[in-house]
N, C-alpha and C. Protein backbone atom coordinates (compact mmCIF):
# COMPACT_ATOMS: atom_id res chain seq x y z
N MET A 1 115.97 36.78 69.58
CA MET A 1 114.70 36.73 68.92
C MET A 1 113.63 36.29 69.92
N PRO A 2 112.56 37.05 70.07
CA PRO A 2 111.52 36.70 71.04
C PRO A 2 110.75 35.47 70.59
N ARG A 3 110.37 34.65 71.57
CA ARG A 3 109.56 33.47 71.26
C ARG A 3 108.13 33.90 70.99
N ARG A 4 107.54 33.28 69.99
CA ARG A 4 106.14 33.61 69.73
C ARG A 4 105.24 32.82 70.67
N LYS A 5 104.12 33.38 70.96
CA LYS A 5 103.17 32.74 71.84
C LYS A 5 102.52 31.56 71.10
N PRO A 6 102.46 30.38 71.72
CA PRO A 6 101.83 29.23 71.05
C PRO A 6 100.36 29.51 70.74
N THR A 7 99.91 29.06 69.59
CA THR A 7 98.51 29.24 69.20
C THR A 7 97.73 27.98 69.53
N GLY A 8 96.42 28.06 69.36
CA GLY A 8 95.57 26.91 69.60
C GLY A 8 95.92 25.74 68.70
N SER A 9 96.25 26.05 67.43
CA SER A 9 96.58 24.96 66.51
C SER A 9 97.92 24.33 66.88
N ASP A 10 98.86 25.11 67.44
CA ASP A 10 100.13 24.54 67.91
C ASP A 10 99.87 23.52 69.02
N ARG A 11 98.96 23.88 69.91
CA ARG A 11 98.62 22.99 71.02
C ARG A 11 97.97 21.71 70.50
N ILE A 12 97.06 21.85 69.54
CA ILE A 12 96.38 20.69 68.97
C ILE A 12 97.40 19.78 68.27
N LEU A 13 98.30 20.37 67.48
CA LEU A 13 99.30 19.58 66.78
C LEU A 13 100.21 18.85 67.77
N ALA A 14 100.56 19.52 68.86
CA ALA A 14 101.40 18.88 69.88
C ALA A 14 100.65 17.72 70.54
N GLU A 15 99.35 17.91 70.81
CA GLU A 15 98.56 16.83 71.42
C GLU A 15 98.44 15.64 70.46
N ILE A 16 98.22 15.92 69.18
CA ILE A 16 98.11 14.85 68.19
C ILE A 16 99.43 14.08 68.11
N ALA A 17 100.53 14.81 68.05
CA ALA A 17 101.84 14.16 67.96
C ALA A 17 102.10 13.30 69.19
N GLY A 18 101.76 13.81 70.36
CA GLY A 18 101.96 13.04 71.59
C GLY A 18 101.09 11.80 71.63
N ALA A 19 99.83 11.94 71.24
CA ALA A 19 98.93 10.79 71.24
C ALA A 19 99.37 9.76 70.21
N SER A 20 99.81 10.23 69.06
CA SER A 20 100.27 9.32 68.01
C SER A 20 101.49 8.54 68.48
N ARG A 21 102.44 9.22 69.14
CA ARG A 21 103.62 8.53 69.68
C ARG A 21 103.22 7.49 70.71
N ALA A 22 102.29 7.86 71.59
CA ALA A 22 101.85 6.93 72.63
C ALA A 22 101.17 5.71 72.02
N LEU A 23 100.34 5.92 71.00
CA LEU A 23 99.68 4.78 70.36
C LEU A 23 100.69 3.87 69.67
N ARG A 24 101.69 4.46 69.02
CA ARG A 24 102.70 3.64 68.35
C ARG A 24 103.51 2.84 69.36
N ARG A 25 103.84 3.44 70.50
CA ARG A 25 104.61 2.73 71.53
C ARG A 25 103.80 1.59 72.12
N ARG A 26 102.54 1.87 72.39
CA ARG A 26 101.71 0.88 73.07
C ARG A 26 101.36 -0.28 72.15
N GLY A 27 101.06 -0.01 70.90
CA GLY A 27 100.72 -1.06 69.95
C GLY A 27 99.34 -1.63 70.21
N PRO A 28 98.95 -2.61 69.42
CA PRO A 28 97.63 -3.21 69.57
C PRO A 28 97.50 -3.92 70.93
N VAL A 29 96.31 -3.90 71.45
CA VAL A 29 96.03 -4.53 72.73
C VAL A 29 95.29 -5.84 72.47
N ALA A 30 95.71 -6.89 73.12
CA ALA A 30 95.01 -8.17 72.98
C ALA A 30 93.67 -8.08 73.69
N LEU A 31 92.60 -8.29 72.95
CA LEU A 31 91.27 -8.15 73.53
C LEU A 31 90.71 -9.47 74.06
N ASP A 32 91.23 -10.59 73.59
CA ASP A 32 90.67 -11.88 73.99
C ASP A 32 90.65 -12.08 75.50
N PRO A 33 91.77 -11.85 76.22
CA PRO A 33 91.72 -12.05 77.67
C PRO A 33 90.71 -11.12 78.35
N ALA A 34 90.61 -9.89 77.89
CA ALA A 34 89.67 -8.95 78.49
C ALA A 34 88.23 -9.38 78.22
N LEU A 35 87.95 -9.79 76.98
CA LEU A 35 86.61 -10.26 76.65
C LEU A 35 86.25 -11.50 77.45
N ALA A 36 87.18 -12.43 77.53
CA ALA A 36 86.92 -13.66 78.27
C ALA A 36 86.59 -13.36 79.73
N LYS A 37 87.28 -12.40 80.30
CA LYS A 37 87.05 -12.04 81.69
C LYS A 37 85.69 -11.35 81.86
N MET A 38 85.33 -10.47 80.88
CA MET A 38 84.08 -9.71 80.99
C MET A 38 82.85 -10.56 80.71
N VAL A 39 82.89 -11.38 79.66
CA VAL A 39 81.69 -12.09 79.24
C VAL A 39 81.77 -13.60 79.40
N GLY A 40 82.89 -14.09 79.82
CA GLY A 40 83.06 -15.53 79.96
C GLY A 40 83.68 -16.13 78.72
N ALA A 41 84.48 -17.15 78.90
CA ALA A 41 85.24 -17.74 77.79
C ALA A 41 84.32 -18.26 76.69
N ARG A 42 83.20 -18.87 77.05
CA ARG A 42 82.31 -19.43 76.03
C ARG A 42 81.76 -18.33 75.13
N ASP A 43 81.30 -17.21 75.70
CA ASP A 43 80.78 -16.10 74.90
C ASP A 43 81.86 -15.52 74.00
N CYS A 44 83.09 -15.48 74.50
CA CYS A 44 84.21 -14.96 73.71
C CYS A 44 84.45 -15.85 72.50
N GLU A 45 84.38 -17.17 72.68
CA GLU A 45 84.57 -18.10 71.56
C GLU A 45 83.47 -17.92 70.52
N ILE A 46 82.24 -17.71 70.96
CA ILE A 46 81.12 -17.50 70.04
C ILE A 46 81.35 -16.22 69.25
N ALA A 47 81.78 -15.16 69.91
CA ALA A 47 82.04 -13.89 69.22
C ALA A 47 83.12 -14.06 68.16
N GLN A 48 84.16 -14.84 68.46
CA GLN A 48 85.22 -15.06 67.48
C GLN A 48 84.70 -15.80 66.26
N LYS A 49 83.80 -16.75 66.46
CA LYS A 49 83.24 -17.51 65.34
C LYS A 49 82.38 -16.64 64.45
N ARG A 50 81.79 -15.58 65.00
CA ARG A 50 80.96 -14.67 64.20
C ARG A 50 81.79 -13.74 63.34
N LYS A 51 83.07 -13.72 63.55
CA LYS A 51 84.00 -12.89 62.79
C LYS A 51 83.65 -11.41 62.88
N PHE A 52 83.53 -10.92 64.11
CA PHE A 52 83.35 -9.50 64.32
C PHE A 52 84.59 -8.77 63.82
N PRO A 53 84.44 -7.51 63.41
CA PRO A 53 85.61 -6.77 62.93
C PRO A 53 86.70 -6.71 63.99
N ALA A 54 87.94 -6.70 63.52
CA ALA A 54 89.08 -6.60 64.43
C ALA A 54 89.10 -5.22 65.10
N ALA A 55 89.82 -5.13 66.18
CA ALA A 55 89.98 -3.85 66.86
C ALA A 55 90.68 -2.87 65.92
N PRO A 56 90.39 -1.58 66.05
CA PRO A 56 91.03 -0.59 65.18
C PRO A 56 92.55 -0.61 65.33
N SER A 57 93.23 -0.34 64.23
CA SER A 57 94.69 -0.28 64.27
C SER A 57 95.13 1.06 64.85
N VAL A 58 96.39 1.13 65.17
CA VAL A 58 96.97 2.37 65.70
C VAL A 58 96.79 3.50 64.69
N ILE A 59 97.02 3.21 63.42
CA ILE A 59 96.92 4.27 62.42
C ILE A 59 95.47 4.71 62.22
N GLU A 60 94.51 3.79 62.37
CA GLU A 60 93.10 4.19 62.31
C GLU A 60 92.75 5.10 63.48
N GLU A 61 93.26 4.77 64.66
CA GLU A 61 93.00 5.62 65.82
C GLU A 61 93.66 6.99 65.66
N THR A 62 94.83 7.02 65.03
CA THR A 62 95.49 8.31 64.77
C THR A 62 94.65 9.14 63.82
N PHE A 63 94.11 8.52 62.76
CA PHE A 63 93.25 9.25 61.83
C PHE A 63 92.02 9.78 62.56
N ALA A 64 91.40 8.96 63.41
CA ALA A 64 90.22 9.40 64.16
C ALA A 64 90.57 10.60 65.05
N LEU A 65 91.75 10.58 65.64
CA LEU A 65 92.20 11.71 66.47
C LEU A 65 92.37 12.96 65.62
N HIS A 66 92.92 12.82 64.43
CA HIS A 66 93.08 13.97 63.52
C HIS A 66 91.71 14.55 63.15
N VAL A 67 90.74 13.69 62.88
CA VAL A 67 89.39 14.15 62.52
C VAL A 67 88.81 14.97 63.67
N ARG A 68 88.95 14.46 64.90
CA ARG A 68 88.45 15.20 66.07
C ARG A 68 89.19 16.52 66.25
N ALA A 69 90.51 16.49 66.10
CA ALA A 69 91.31 17.71 66.31
C ALA A 69 90.94 18.79 65.29
N GLU A 70 90.59 18.38 64.08
CA GLU A 70 90.20 19.33 63.04
C GLU A 70 88.74 19.74 63.14
N LYS A 71 88.03 19.17 64.13
CA LYS A 71 86.62 19.47 64.37
C LYS A 71 85.75 19.17 63.15
N LEU A 72 86.08 18.08 62.46
CA LEU A 72 85.26 17.62 61.34
C LEU A 72 84.09 16.82 61.90
N PRO A 73 83.03 16.68 61.13
CA PRO A 73 81.93 15.83 61.61
C PRO A 73 82.43 14.43 61.93
N ALA A 74 81.90 13.85 62.98
CA ALA A 74 82.34 12.52 63.40
C ALA A 74 81.90 11.47 62.38
N PRO A 75 82.83 10.64 61.94
CA PRO A 75 82.45 9.58 61.01
C PRO A 75 81.88 8.37 61.75
N GLU A 76 81.17 7.54 61.02
CA GLU A 76 80.78 6.24 61.54
C GLU A 76 81.97 5.32 61.35
N ARG A 77 82.10 4.32 62.19
CA ARG A 77 83.21 3.37 62.09
C ARG A 77 82.68 2.01 61.69
N GLU A 78 83.47 1.29 60.89
CA GLU A 78 83.14 -0.08 60.48
C GLU A 78 81.73 -0.17 59.90
N VAL A 79 81.47 0.66 58.90
CA VAL A 79 80.15 0.72 58.27
C VAL A 79 80.04 -0.36 57.20
N GLN A 80 79.04 -1.21 57.33
CA GLN A 80 78.78 -2.22 56.31
C GLN A 80 77.92 -1.56 55.25
N PHE A 81 78.45 -1.44 54.04
CA PHE A 81 77.75 -0.69 52.99
C PHE A 81 77.02 -1.57 52.00
N ASP A 82 77.26 -2.86 52.02
CA ASP A 82 76.60 -3.77 51.08
C ASP A 82 75.81 -4.78 51.90
N PRO A 83 74.50 -4.89 51.67
CA PRO A 83 73.69 -5.78 52.50
C PRO A 83 73.98 -7.27 52.29
N THR A 84 74.58 -7.64 51.16
CA THR A 84 74.81 -9.05 50.89
C THR A 84 76.23 -9.50 51.20
N ARG A 85 77.14 -8.57 51.39
CA ARG A 85 78.54 -8.90 51.67
C ARG A 85 78.90 -8.36 53.05
N ARG A 86 80.01 -8.81 53.59
CA ARG A 86 80.48 -8.31 54.89
C ARG A 86 81.46 -7.15 54.72
N TRP A 87 81.46 -6.53 53.57
CA TRP A 87 82.37 -5.42 53.32
C TRP A 87 82.05 -4.26 54.26
N ARG A 88 83.11 -3.69 54.79
CA ARG A 88 82.96 -2.55 55.70
C ARG A 88 83.96 -1.46 55.32
N PHE A 89 83.59 -0.23 55.63
CA PHE A 89 84.50 0.90 55.50
C PHE A 89 85.11 1.16 56.87
N ASP A 90 86.37 1.58 56.92
CA ASP A 90 86.99 1.97 58.19
C ASP A 90 86.28 3.18 58.77
N PHE A 91 86.03 4.18 57.92
CA PHE A 91 85.36 5.42 58.32
C PHE A 91 84.37 5.79 57.23
N ALA A 92 83.21 6.31 57.61
CA ALA A 92 82.23 6.73 56.60
C ALA A 92 81.41 7.90 57.10
N TRP A 93 81.13 8.79 56.18
CA TRP A 93 80.20 9.89 56.37
C TRP A 93 79.05 9.55 55.43
N SER A 94 78.05 8.83 55.94
CA SER A 94 77.00 8.26 55.11
C SER A 94 76.19 9.32 54.36
N GLU A 95 75.90 10.40 55.02
CA GLU A 95 75.10 11.45 54.38
C GLU A 95 75.79 11.99 53.13
N GLN A 96 77.10 12.13 53.17
CA GLN A 96 77.87 12.61 52.02
C GLN A 96 78.34 11.48 51.11
N ARG A 97 78.07 10.23 51.52
CA ARG A 97 78.51 9.05 50.77
C ARG A 97 80.02 9.08 50.55
N LEU A 98 80.74 9.43 51.62
CA LEU A 98 82.20 9.50 51.60
C LEU A 98 82.75 8.44 52.56
N ALA A 99 83.70 7.66 52.08
CA ALA A 99 84.31 6.61 52.91
C ALA A 99 85.82 6.74 52.87
N VAL A 100 86.47 6.40 53.98
CA VAL A 100 87.93 6.38 54.06
C VAL A 100 88.35 4.98 54.46
N GLU A 101 89.29 4.45 53.70
CA GLU A 101 89.89 3.15 53.98
C GLU A 101 91.36 3.40 54.30
N VAL A 102 91.77 3.02 55.50
CA VAL A 102 93.17 3.17 55.91
C VAL A 102 93.86 1.86 55.55
N GLU A 103 94.78 1.94 54.61
CA GLU A 103 95.46 0.75 54.10
C GLU A 103 96.75 0.52 54.90
N GLY A 104 96.78 -0.56 55.62
CA GLY A 104 97.96 -0.88 56.42
C GLY A 104 98.81 -1.96 55.77
N GLY A 105 100.01 -2.09 56.24
CA GLY A 105 100.90 -3.15 55.79
C GLY A 105 101.35 -3.05 54.35
N ILE A 106 101.37 -1.85 53.80
CA ILE A 106 101.71 -1.74 52.37
C ILE A 106 103.19 -2.00 52.10
N HIS A 107 104.05 -1.74 53.07
CA HIS A 107 105.48 -1.98 52.88
C HIS A 107 105.93 -3.32 53.42
N ALA A 108 105.05 -3.97 54.15
CA ALA A 108 105.41 -5.24 54.79
C ALA A 108 104.78 -6.43 54.08
N GLY A 109 104.26 -6.20 52.88
CA GLY A 109 103.63 -7.30 52.15
C GLY A 109 102.33 -7.73 52.78
N GLY A 110 101.58 -6.76 53.32
CA GLY A 110 100.31 -7.06 53.97
C GLY A 110 99.24 -7.50 52.97
N ARG A 111 98.08 -7.80 53.49
CA ARG A 111 96.98 -8.32 52.70
C ARG A 111 96.61 -7.42 51.53
N HIS A 112 96.67 -6.12 51.72
CA HIS A 112 96.25 -5.19 50.67
C HIS A 112 97.18 -5.19 49.46
N THR A 113 98.38 -5.71 49.60
CA THR A 113 99.34 -5.67 48.49
C THR A 113 99.57 -7.03 47.85
N ARG A 114 99.04 -8.08 48.43
CA ARG A 114 99.20 -9.41 47.83
C ARG A 114 98.06 -9.64 46.84
N GLY A 115 98.27 -10.56 45.91
CA GLY A 115 97.34 -10.79 44.81
C GLY A 115 95.89 -10.92 45.20
N THR A 116 95.55 -11.88 46.04
CA THR A 116 94.14 -12.11 46.36
C THR A 116 93.55 -10.96 47.19
N GLY A 117 94.34 -10.40 48.10
CA GLY A 117 93.86 -9.27 48.89
C GLY A 117 93.63 -8.03 48.04
N PHE A 118 94.55 -7.78 47.12
CA PHE A 118 94.42 -6.63 46.23
C PHE A 118 93.18 -6.80 45.35
N GLU A 119 92.99 -8.00 44.83
CA GLU A 119 91.82 -8.31 44.00
C GLU A 119 90.53 -8.09 44.78
N ALA A 120 90.47 -8.59 46.01
CA ALA A 120 89.28 -8.44 46.85
C ALA A 120 89.00 -6.96 47.13
N ASP A 121 90.05 -6.20 47.41
CA ASP A 121 89.88 -4.76 47.66
C ASP A 121 89.34 -4.06 46.42
N ALA A 122 89.88 -4.41 45.25
CA ALA A 122 89.44 -3.78 44.01
C ALA A 122 87.94 -4.05 43.78
N ARG A 123 87.51 -5.26 44.05
CA ARG A 123 86.09 -5.59 43.89
C ARG A 123 85.22 -4.82 44.89
N LYS A 124 85.71 -4.70 46.10
CA LYS A 124 84.98 -3.97 47.14
C LYS A 124 84.83 -2.50 46.74
N TYR A 125 85.92 -1.88 46.30
CA TYR A 125 85.88 -0.46 45.95
C TYR A 125 85.04 -0.22 44.70
N LEU A 126 85.06 -1.14 43.76
CA LEU A 126 84.21 -1.01 42.58
C LEU A 126 82.74 -1.07 42.98
N ALA A 127 82.38 -2.03 43.83
CA ALA A 127 80.99 -2.14 44.29
C ALA A 127 80.56 -0.88 45.03
N ALA A 128 81.45 -0.34 45.84
CA ALA A 128 81.13 0.88 46.59
C ALA A 128 80.90 2.06 45.65
N MET A 129 81.75 2.19 44.66
CA MET A 129 81.60 3.30 43.71
C MET A 129 80.33 3.14 42.89
N LEU A 130 80.00 1.92 42.49
CA LEU A 130 78.75 1.70 41.75
C LEU A 130 77.53 2.00 42.61
N ALA A 131 77.68 1.87 43.93
CA ALA A 131 76.59 2.19 44.87
C ALA A 131 76.57 3.68 45.22
N GLY A 132 77.45 4.47 44.61
CA GLY A 132 77.42 5.91 44.82
C GLY A 132 78.35 6.45 45.89
N TRP A 133 79.26 5.64 46.38
CA TRP A 133 80.21 6.08 47.41
C TRP A 133 81.46 6.65 46.76
N ARG A 134 82.03 7.66 47.40
CA ARG A 134 83.38 8.13 47.08
C ARG A 134 84.30 7.48 48.10
N VAL A 135 85.25 6.71 47.63
CA VAL A 135 86.14 5.97 48.53
C VAL A 135 87.54 6.57 48.44
N VAL A 136 88.07 6.98 49.58
CA VAL A 136 89.41 7.54 49.66
C VAL A 136 90.29 6.50 50.36
N ARG A 137 91.34 6.09 49.68
CA ARG A 137 92.29 5.14 50.27
C ARG A 137 93.49 5.93 50.75
N VAL A 138 93.86 5.74 52.01
CA VAL A 138 94.99 6.47 52.57
C VAL A 138 95.97 5.49 53.22
N THR A 139 97.22 5.89 53.24
CA THR A 139 98.28 5.10 53.87
C THR A 139 98.63 5.71 55.23
N ALA A 140 99.44 4.99 55.98
CA ALA A 140 99.89 5.49 57.28
C ALA A 140 100.66 6.80 57.12
N ALA A 141 101.49 6.89 56.08
CA ALA A 141 102.26 8.12 55.86
C ALA A 141 101.32 9.30 55.61
N MET A 142 100.24 9.08 54.87
CA MET A 142 99.28 10.15 54.58
C MET A 142 98.54 10.57 55.85
N VAL A 143 98.25 9.61 56.72
CA VAL A 143 97.61 9.94 58.00
C VAL A 143 98.58 10.75 58.85
N ASN A 144 99.81 10.27 58.97
CA ASN A 144 100.78 10.92 59.85
C ASN A 144 101.17 12.31 59.38
N ASP A 145 101.24 12.56 58.07
CA ASP A 145 101.63 13.90 57.61
C ASP A 145 100.44 14.86 57.48
N GLY A 146 99.23 14.38 57.77
CA GLY A 146 98.05 15.25 57.76
C GLY A 146 97.36 15.36 56.41
N SER A 147 97.92 14.78 55.36
CA SER A 147 97.29 14.93 54.05
C SER A 147 95.97 14.16 53.97
N ALA A 148 95.83 13.09 54.73
CA ALA A 148 94.57 12.33 54.71
C ALA A 148 93.42 13.16 55.27
N VAL A 149 93.63 13.77 56.42
CA VAL A 149 92.55 14.56 57.02
C VAL A 149 92.30 15.83 56.20
N ASP A 150 93.33 16.39 55.57
CA ASP A 150 93.14 17.55 54.69
C ASP A 150 92.24 17.19 53.51
N ALA A 151 92.47 16.03 52.91
CA ALA A 151 91.65 15.59 51.78
C ALA A 151 90.20 15.39 52.21
N VAL A 152 90.00 14.79 53.37
CA VAL A 152 88.64 14.57 53.87
C VAL A 152 87.95 15.90 54.11
N ARG A 153 88.65 16.85 54.70
CA ARG A 153 88.07 18.17 54.94
C ARG A 153 87.58 18.77 53.62
N GLN A 154 88.42 18.72 52.59
CA GLN A 154 88.05 19.28 51.29
C GLN A 154 86.85 18.55 50.70
N LEU A 155 86.84 17.23 50.79
CA LEU A 155 85.73 16.47 50.22
C LEU A 155 84.42 16.70 50.97
N LEU A 156 84.48 16.89 52.27
CA LEU A 156 83.27 17.15 53.04
C LEU A 156 82.69 18.52 52.73
N GLN A 157 83.51 19.45 52.25
CA GLN A 157 83.05 20.79 51.92
C GLN A 157 82.38 20.87 50.56
N ARG A 158 82.53 19.82 49.76
CA ARG A 158 81.94 19.83 48.41
C ARG A 158 80.49 19.49 48.44
């Protein structure tokens, strides 16, 4: 049986799979030593006290890679949608009022699945919906199997 010639989408899928594997192997990178070296230890301590958002997770970076590979409009990252709260969306398309929240740690008893974390998330999503946002919650499995980016594509077309 003759081998078929690889298509552009085959190449993209292979690149996504390779990048996803590399991100999973590498894991999160400690930013504190790098920040301390770049801006000085005192500035780094001040930044930590301000509670800047944490670095993106591996699964968030995988989702961002999928968005780029599908040539979807680039989302904003860590968008604060409520002026009085520090609530942020992982990804947002402000013009379409579409937000994506990548929920991590769902099988490991992470913050999103424990009582107070779940309650806080529910309040955040309710406030977002009352403000006119469509909020899509996705898991790592949904990102990895492509269903998350497929849903976003469909919602952006509406």
